Protein backbone atom coordinates (compact mmCIF):
# COMPACT_ATOMS: atom_id res chain seq x y z
CA ILE A 1 -1.02 3.79 1.16
CA GLU A 2 0.79 7.16 1.05
CA ALA A 3 -0.40 9.91 3.33
CA ARG A 4 -4.21 9.96 3.36
CA GLY A 5 -4.47 6.18 3.58
CA PHE A 6 -2.51 6.45 6.84
CA ILE A 7 -5.47 8.31 8.39
CA PHE A 8 -7.56 5.15 8.07
CA GLY A 9 -4.87 2.45 8.12
CA THR A 10 -3.32 3.35 11.47
CA PRO A 11 -6.51 3.16 13.59
CA ILE A 12 -7.63 0.01 11.76
CA ALA A 13 -4.28 -1.65 12.53
CA LEU A 14 -4.60 -0.65 16.20
CA GLU A 15 -8.17 -1.93 16.39
CA ILE A 16 -7.38 -5.36 14.93
CA GLY A 17 -4.04 -5.73 16.75
CA ALA A 18 -1.93 -5.65 13.60
CA LYS A 19 1.19 -3.72 12.73
CA PHE A 20 1.03 -0.73 10.40
CA VAL A 21 3.35 -0.75 7.36
CA PRO A 22 3.48 2.52 5.41
CA LEU A 23 3.70 2.36 1.62
CA ARG A 24 5.12 5.66 0.37
CA LYS A 25 6.05 7.55 -2.76
CA PRO A 26 9.78 7.40 -3.68
CA ASN A 27 12.48 8.82 -1.39
CA LYS A 28 10.25 9.41 1.64
CA LEU A 29 11.33 6.41 3.72
CA PRO A 30 14.75 6.24 5.40
CA GLY A 31 16.91 3.14 5.05
CA LYS A 32 16.63 0.28 2.60
CA VAL A 33 13.40 -0.09 0.65
CA ILE A 34 11.82 -2.25 -2.01
CA SER A 35 9.74 -0.59 -4.71
CA GLU A 36 7.06 -1.25 -7.30
CA GLU A 37 6.53 0.96 -10.36
CA TYR A 38 3.08 1.31 -11.88
CA GLU A 39 1.19 3.11 -14.64
CA LEU A 40 -1.03 6.10 -13.98
CA GLU A 41 -3.58 7.57 -16.35
CA TYR A 42 -1.04 10.36 -16.96
CA GLY A 43 2.35 8.63 -16.57
CA ARG A 44 4.24 6.39 -14.16
CA ASP A 45 4.75 6.37 -10.40
CA CYS A 46 6.29 4.18 -7.73
CA LEU A 47 5.51 2.90 -4.23
CA GLU A 48 8.16 1.96 -1.66
CA MET A 49 8.19 0.12 1.65
CA HIS A 50 10.92 -0.71 4.13
CA LEU A 51 12.87 -3.86 3.32
CA GLY A 52 11.83 -6.49 5.87
CA ALA A 53 8.66 -4.64 6.89
CA VAL A 54 6.62 -7.80 6.36
CA GLU A 55 7.62 -11.41 6.95
CA PRO A 56 6.89 -14.18 4.44
CA GLY A 57 3.44 -15.59 5.11
CA GLU A 58 2.12 -12.57 6.99
CA ARG A 59 -1.42 -11.54 6.10
CA ALA A 60 -1.99 -7.99 4.87
CA LEU A 61 -4.93 -5.61 4.63
CA VAL A 62 -4.32 -2.77 2.16
CA VAL A 63 -6.07 0.50 3.07
CA ASP A 64 -6.26 3.62 0.92
CA ASP A 65 -8.49 6.67 0.91
CA LEU A 66 -9.48 6.58 -2.76
CA ILE A 67 -9.55 4.25 -5.75
CA ALA A 68 -9.80 5.60 -9.30
CA THR A 69 -8.07 3.38 -11.87
CA GLY A 70 -6.77 0.81 -9.37
CA GLY A 71 -3.13 1.29 -10.39
CA THR A 72 -1.89 2.33 -6.96
CA LEU A 73 -3.84 -0.42 -5.23
CA CYS A 74 -2.48 -3.08 -7.62
CA ALA A 75 1.07 -1.80 -7.10
CA ALA A 76 0.60 -2.00 -3.33
CA MET A 77 -0.61 -5.58 -3.59
CA LYS A 78 2.29 -6.57 -5.87
CA LEU A 79 4.81 -4.93 -3.54
CA LEU A 80 3.47 -6.73 -0.47
CA GLU A 81 3.25 -10.06 -2.31
CA ARG A 82 6.84 -9.71 -3.57
CA ALA A 83 7.86 -9.25 0.07
CA GLY A 84 6.10 -12.53 0.90
CA ALA A 85 2.86 -11.25 2.41
CA GLU A 86 -0.55 -12.65 1.58
CA VAL A 87 -2.92 -9.79 0.72
CA VAL A 88 -6.26 -10.93 2.13
CA GLU A 89 -8.32 -7.76 1.71
CA CYS A 90 -8.28 -4.24 0.29
CA ALA A 91 -10.33 -1.32 1.60
CA CYS A 92 -10.90 2.08 0.01
CA VAL A 93 -13.14 4.82 1.38
CA ILE A 94 -13.97 6.57 -1.92
CA GLU A 95 -14.39 5.08 -5.41
CA LEU A 96 -14.19 7.20 -8.57
CA PRO A 97 -15.49 4.74 -11.19
CA ASP A 98 -15.60 7.25 -14.06
CA LEU A 99 -11.82 7.73 -14.29
């Protein structure tokens, strides 16, 4: 997911022989996108991914650098599931449970 998650997601995708699909903040991807809005502790935000980036039935691993409230991670899962993917696992390097 967005920027720092790419640092971990790209090598993991290469290692397991999977494709890498970037999930970005609004207006950072060229072409047609689908989006998912979500609540933050201080407002709202949105994630986008390329339309057609995943095929129905594909399995997905969501990787991010940090989890605080879980809002971004939940939005990523919803976005992938709306596109037809099956989210089978989520991985985060750092957890901030007190937020």
